Every structure is written in structure tokens, then in C-alpha cells.
Amino acid sequence: MSASELVSLIAPVAAFCAGKPVDAALEDALARQFPADGPVFAAIAHCLRDGIADGSLCDREAGGIRFSRPAKPSPATHGFSVDVVTYGDLAGPHHTHPTGEIDMIVPLDPPARFDGRGAGWLVYGPGSGHRPTIGGGRAVVLYLLPQGAIQFTGA
């Protein structure tokens, strides 16, 4: 797995999101266009699992959370950064989303939940914040950040 492979797989999702408000309507549209049981979601999930297994993704670690940023915002990603995290049964650092956050949730253990949600999409609007939490096992979360904007608060 390479970062360019992941970018090529996520590009149609990023293109779909580009120019749309980052809100609940986008979350619903993603679920219809790229359902968790559909081929695009499955291909990205497979790439994520392979990349974590071969060490090309989530090659850094802090506090039990493995992470990486395979792509900075660019024309190839329609202005989104592409970040990937994997962990289980803990809460990550509190942060805010100045321009929003689009999460693709891939449970590695079937009961795993990210912020209470299983496989699929979760969208946080501009100005929102949270302490990202995975419970019930391990999961991978790919997140798209408009312009790569994220602010860790230390809270």
C-alpha cells in the first residue's frame, strides 16, 4: 500500500465532498453515495488495513494511538488532508475542527465504535470539537479535514 494508492481511492470521496457544506446533510449523502457495505468503502477499508499491517500507515504512535497523514491538502485531494488513526478502547486528545471533519469509520473488531458509531460516515461541522473515543475494540478512522485544519486544545 502506498499513500498514492490511498489518495487515488479516496479522491472520488473527496471530490464528492468538495464545495459542499460540512454538515449532517453531507453525512447522509456520503452514506447514500459510499455506503459502508459498498465497493468504494470496502476498497478504501482494505487499503487501510493493508497499510497498517505493512507499516506504511499509522507509523507514528502517541499514548496508544497510531497515526499518520498520508496526504496534505492538494488538488489531488480536492483541498482536504487525509489522516488515518487506529486505536481501541480509549479517548484521544481533545481538538476542534475550524472547517469541519469528515470521518470514515472502519471497525477492526466488529463491536468497535468511534464516538458511538460503527462502520460508516460521521461528519462534524465547522467549529465543532470532541475527544475522539473508540470503545468496544479496535477501529481505524480515516478523516478528511478541509484545508487540513485542526486545533488540539489540550483540554
C-alpha atoms as a PDB file:
ATOM      1  CA  MET A   1       0.000   0.000   0.000  1.00  0.00           C
ATOM      2  CA  SER A   2       1.272   3.448  -0.800  1.00  0.00           C
ATOM      3  CA  ALA A   3      -0.006   6.903   0.020  1.00  0.00           C
ATOM      4  CA  SER A   4      -0.685   7.465  -3.690  1.00  0.00           C
ATOM      5  CA  GLU A   5      -2.881   4.336  -3.776  1.00  0.00           C
ATOM      6  CA  LEU A   6      -4.872   5.581  -0.818  1.00  0.00           C
ATOM      7  CA  VAL A   7      -5.204   9.046  -2.369  1.00  0.00           C
ATOM      8  CA  SER A   8      -6.468   7.531  -5.626  1.00  0.00           C
ATOM      9  CA  LEU A   9      -9.094   5.538  -3.706  1.00  0.00           C
ATOM     10  CA  ILE A  10     -10.224   8.455  -1.545  1.00  0.00           C
ATOM     11  CA  ALA A  11     -10.186  11.014  -4.401  1.00  0.00           C
ATOM     12  CA  PRO A  12     -13.776  10.262  -5.547  1.00  0.00           C
ATOM     13  CA  VAL A  13     -14.998  10.745  -1.965  1.00  0.00           C
ATOM     14  CA  ALA A  14     -13.047  13.998  -1.620  1.00  0.00           C
ATOM     15  CA  ALA A  15     -14.398  15.179  -4.996  1.00  0.00           C
ATOM     16  CA  PHE A  16     -17.931  14.371  -3.832  1.00  0.00           C
ATOM     17  CA  CYS A  17     -17.400  16.413  -0.643  1.00  0.00           C
ATOM     18  CA  ALA A  18     -15.619  19.349  -2.270  1.00  0.00           C
ATOM     19  CA  GLY A  19     -17.630  22.554  -2.191  1.00  0.00           C
ATOM     20  CA  LYS A  20     -20.409  21.102  -0.027  1.00  0.00           C
ATOM     21  CA  PRO A  21     -21.174  22.323   3.488  1.00  0.00           C
ATOM     22  CA  VAL A  22     -19.560  20.040   6.074  1.00  0.00           C
ATOM     23  CA  ASP A  23     -22.722  19.130   7.966  1.00  0.00           C
ATOM     24  CA  ALA A  24     -25.304  16.421   8.692  1.00  0.00           C
ATOM     25  CA  ALA A  25     -26.644  16.591   5.138  1.00  0.00           C
ATOM     26  CA  LEU A  26     -23.166  15.687   3.858  1.00  0.00           C
ATOM     27  CA  GLU A  27     -23.042  12.756   6.282  1.00  0.00           C
ATOM     28  CA  ASP A  28     -26.353  11.474   4.904  1.00  0.00           C
ATOM     29  CA  ALA A  29     -25.193  11.996   1.306  1.00  0.00           C
ATOM     30  CA  LEU A  30     -21.945  10.087   1.957  1.00  0.00           C
ATOM     31  CA  ALA A  31     -23.899   7.191   3.463  1.00  0.00           C
ATOM     32  CA  ARG A  32     -26.031   7.003   0.304  1.00  0.00           C
ATOM     33  CA  GLN A  33     -23.214   7.544  -2.221  1.00  0.00           C
ATOM     34  CA  PHE A  34     -20.496   5.454  -0.490  1.00  0.00           C
ATOM     35  CA  PRO A  35     -22.308   3.062   1.883  1.00  0.00           C
ATOM     36  CA  ALA A  36     -20.296   1.052   4.397  1.00  0.00           C
ATOM     37  CA  ASP A  37     -21.320  -2.150   2.600  1.00  0.00           C
ATOM     38  CA  GLY A  38     -20.467  -0.769  -0.858  1.00  0.00           C
ATOM     39  CA  PRO A  39     -17.461  -1.341  -3.111  1.00  0.00           C
ATOM     40  CA  VAL A  40     -15.768   2.067  -2.689  1.00  0.00           C
ATOM     41  CA  PHE A  41     -15.911   1.903   1.106  1.00  0.00           C
ATOM     42  CA  ALA A  42     -14.691  -1.718   1.026  1.00  0.00           C
ATOM     43  CA  ALA A  43     -11.739  -0.877  -1.246  1.00  0.00           C
ATOM     44  CA  ILE A  44     -10.639   2.006   0.983  1.00  0.00           C
ATOM     45  CA  ALA A  45     -11.077  -0.120   4.125  1.00  0.00           C
ATOM     46  CA  HIS A  46      -8.969  -2.904   2.577  1.00  0.00           C
ATOM     47  CA  CYS A  47      -6.251  -0.384   1.676  1.00  0.00           C
ATOM     48  CA  LEU A  48      -6.284   0.988   5.232  1.00  0.00           C
ATOM     49  CA  ARG A  49      -5.958  -2.476   6.782  1.00  0.00           C
ATOM     50  CA  ASP A  50      -3.118  -3.398   4.414  1.00  0.00           C
ATOM     51  CA  GLY A  51      -1.303  -0.114   5.003  1.00  0.00           C
ATOM     52  CA  ILE A  52      -1.470  -0.515   8.772  1.00  0.00           C
ATOM     53  CA  ALA A  53      -0.314  -4.137   8.520  1.00  0.00           C
ATOM     54  CA  ASP A  54       2.675  -3.278   6.310  1.00  0.00           C
ATOM     55  CA  GLY A  55       3.604  -0.181   8.320  1.00  0.00           C
ATOM     56  CA  SER A  56       3.029   2.354   5.572  1.00  0.00           C
ATOM     57  CA  LEU A  57       0.104   3.874   7.516  1.00  0.00           C
ATOM     58  CA  CYS A  58      -0.111   4.767  11.191  1.00  0.00           C
ATOM     59  CA  ASP A  59       3.651   4.526  11.572  1.00  0.00           C
ATOM     60  CA  ARG A  60       3.744   7.016  14.468  1.00  0.00           C
ATOM     61  CA  GLU A  61       2.387   6.463  17.963  1.00  0.00           C
ATOM     62  CA  ALA A  62       1.458   8.595  20.959  1.00  0.00           C
ATOM     63  CA  GLY A  63      -0.467   7.474  24.027  1.00  0.00           C
ATOM     64  CA  GLY A  64      -1.635   4.216  22.427  1.00  0.00           C
ATOM     65  CA  ILE A  65      -2.868   5.925  19.256  1.00  0.00           C
ATOM     66  CA  ARG A  66      -1.146   5.112  15.984  1.00  0.00           C
ATOM     67  CA  PHE A  67      -1.488   7.789  13.299  1.00  0.00           C
ATOM     68  CA  SER A  68      -0.266   9.222  10.013  1.00  0.00           C
ATOM     69  CA  ARG A  69      -1.079  11.926   7.495  1.00  0.00           C
ATOM     70  CA  PRO A  70      -0.671  10.218   4.101  1.00  0.00           C
ATOM     71  CA  ALA A  71      -1.743  13.348   2.207  1.00  0.00           C
ATOM     72  CA  LYS A  72      -1.664  17.070   2.837  1.00  0.00           C
ATOM     73  CA  PRO A  73      -4.341  19.247   1.237  1.00  0.00           C
ATOM     74  CA  SER A  74      -3.751  19.383  -2.516  1.00  0.00           C
ATOM     75  CA  PRO A  75      -5.613  19.401  -5.819  1.00  0.00           C
ATOM     76  CA  ALA A  76      -5.423  15.568  -5.812  1.00  0.00           C
ATOM     77  CA  THR A  77      -7.403  15.521  -2.551  1.00  0.00           C
ATOM     78  CA  HIS A  78      -9.648  18.464  -3.502  1.00  0.00           C
ATOM     79  CA  GLY A  79      -8.196  20.578  -0.699  1.00  0.00           C
ATOM     80  CA  PHE A  80      -8.593  18.015   2.083  1.00  0.00           C
ATOM     81  CA  SER A  81      -5.843  16.476   4.168  1.00  0.00           C
ATOM     82  CA  VAL A  82      -6.091  12.707   4.598  1.00  0.00           C
ATOM     83  CA  ASP A  83      -5.305  11.453   8.098  1.00  0.00           C
ATOM     84  CA  VAL A  84      -5.541   7.931   9.476  1.00  0.00           C
ATOM     85  CA  VAL A  85      -5.647   6.812  13.114  1.00  0.00           C
ATOM     86  CA  THR A  86      -6.062   3.431  14.743  1.00  0.00           C
ATOM     87  CA  TYR A  87      -6.599   2.548  18.388  1.00  0.00           C
ATOM     88  CA  GLY A  88      -9.105   0.936  20.667  1.00  0.00           C
ATOM     89  CA  ASP A  89     -10.816   1.436  23.987  1.00  0.00           C
ATOM     90  CA  LEU A  90      -9.536   4.902  24.787  1.00  0.00           C
ATOM     91  CA  ALA A  91     -10.149   8.575  24.171  1.00  0.00           C
ATOM     92  CA  GLY A  92      -7.835  10.666  22.044  1.00  0.00           C
ATOM     93  CA  PRO A  93      -6.814  14.275  22.619  1.00  0.00           C
ATOM     94  CA  HIS A  94      -9.496  16.947  22.545  1.00  0.00           C
ATOM     95  CA  HIS A  95      -9.447  19.029  19.383  1.00  0.00           C
ATOM     96  CA  THR A  96     -11.624  21.373  17.377  1.00  0.00           C
ATOM     97  CA  HIS A  97     -12.432  21.445  13.683  1.00  0.00           C
ATOM     98  CA  PRO A  98     -12.197  25.008  12.348  1.00  0.00           C
ATOM     99  CA  THR A  99     -13.527  23.907   8.940  1.00  0.00           C
ATOM    100  CA  GLY A 100     -15.152  20.601   9.939  1.00  0.00           C
ATOM    101  CA  GLU A 101     -14.122  16.947   9.881  1.00  0.00           C
ATOM    102  CA  ILE A 102     -15.345  14.040   7.726  1.00  0.00           C
ATOM    103  CA  ASP A 103     -14.747  10.623   9.322  1.00  0.00           C
ATOM    104  CA  MET A 104     -14.764   7.202   7.672  1.00  0.00           C
ATOM    105  CA  ILE A 105     -15.078   4.598  10.433  1.00  0.00           C
ATOM    106  CA  VAL A 106     -13.711   1.096   9.844  1.00  0.00           C
ATOM    107  CA  PRO A 107     -14.084  -1.229  12.861  1.00  0.00           C
ATOM    108  CA  LEU A 108     -11.287  -3.807  13.069  1.00  0.00           C
ATOM    109  CA  ASP A 109     -13.241  -5.605  15.790  1.00  0.00           C
ATOM    110  CA  PRO A 110     -16.947  -5.847  14.868  1.00  0.00           C
ATOM    111  CA  PRO A 111     -18.283  -4.271  18.087  1.00  0.00           C
ATOM    112  CA  ALA A 112     -15.878  -1.297  17.906  1.00  0.00           C
ATOM    113  CA  ARG A 113     -17.472   2.153  17.841  1.00  0.00           C
ATOM    114  CA  PHE A 114     -15.956   5.562  17.150  1.00  0.00           C
ATOM    115  CA  ASP A 115     -17.788   8.266  19.093  1.00  0.00           C
ATOM    116  CA  GLY A 116     -20.611   5.748  19.440  1.00  0.00           C
ATOM    117  CA  ARG A 117     -20.818   4.932  15.722  1.00  0.00           C
ATOM    118  CA  GLY A 118     -19.983   1.748  13.808  1.00  0.00           C
ATOM    119  CA  ALA A 119     -18.858   1.335  10.204  1.00  0.00           C
ATOM    120  CA  GLY A 120     -19.746   4.300   8.037  1.00  0.00           C
ATOM    121  CA  TRP A 121     -19.502   8.074   7.990  1.00  0.00           C
ATOM    122  CA  LEU A 122     -19.571  10.706  10.710  1.00  0.00           C
ATOM    123  CA  VAL A 123     -19.359  14.424   9.945  1.00  0.00           C
ATOM    124  CA  TYR A 124     -18.510  17.173  12.417  1.00  0.00           C
ATOM    125  CA  GLY A 125     -19.315  20.700  11.287  1.00  0.00           C
ATOM    126  CA  PRO A 126     -17.067  23.757  11.362  1.00  0.00           C
ATOM    127  CA  GLY A 127     -16.262  24.944  14.875  1.00  0.00           C
ATOM    128  CA  SER A 128     -17.137  21.619  16.494  1.00  0.00           C
ATOM    129  CA  GLY A 129     -14.840  19.771  18.850  1.00  0.00           C
ATOM    130  CA  HIS A 130     -14.555  16.442  20.606  1.00  0.00           C
ATOM    131  CA  ARG A 131     -12.358  13.958  22.386  1.00  0.00           C
ATOM    132  CA  PRO A 132     -12.406  11.140  19.784  1.00  0.00           C
ATOM    133  CA  THR A 133     -13.240   7.898  21.537  1.00  0.00           C
ATOM    134  CA  ILE A 134     -13.123   4.308  20.363  1.00  0.00           C
ATOM    135  CA  GLY A 135     -14.813   1.685  22.513  1.00  0.00           C
ATOM    136  CA  GLY A 136     -15.659  -1.988  22.082  1.00  0.00           C
ATOM    137  CA  GLY A 137     -12.389  -2.905  20.367  1.00  0.00           C
ATOM    138  CA  ARG A 138     -10.043  -1.514  17.734  1.00  0.00           C
ATOM    139  CA  ALA A 139     -11.021   0.628  14.768  1.00  0.00           C
ATOM    140  CA  VAL A 140      -9.410   2.654  12.008  1.00  0.00           C
ATOM    141  CA  VAL A 141     -10.660   6.148  11.268  1.00  0.00           C
ATOM    142  CA  LEU A 142      -9.738   7.987   8.094  1.00  0.00           C
ATOM    143  CA  TYR A 143     -10.554  11.640   8.327  1.00  0.00           C
ATOM    144  CA  LEU A 144     -10.691  14.373   5.759  1.00  0.00           C
ATOM    145  CA  LEU A 145     -10.020  17.882   7.033  1.00  0.00           C
ATOM    146  CA  PRO A 146     -10.853  20.835   4.769  1.00  0.00           C
ATOM    147  CA  GLN A 147      -7.542  22.697   4.293  1.00  0.00           C
ATOM    148  CA  GLY A 148      -6.015  20.289   6.848  1.00  0.00           C
ATOM    149  CA  ALA A 149      -7.347  22.475   9.670  1.00  0.00           C
ATOM    150  CA  ILE A 150      -7.344  21.003  13.177  1.00  0.00           C
ATOM    151  CA  GLN A 151      -6.616  22.578  16.557  1.00  0.00           C
ATOM    152  CA  PHE A 152      -5.591  20.496  19.555  1.00  0.00           C
ATOM    153  CA  THR A 153      -6.828  22.202  22.704  1.00  0.00           C
ATOM    154  CA  GLY A 154      -5.045  20.372  25.496  1.00  0.00           C
ATOM    155  CA  ALA A 155      -8.398  20.080  27.300  1.00  0.00           C
END
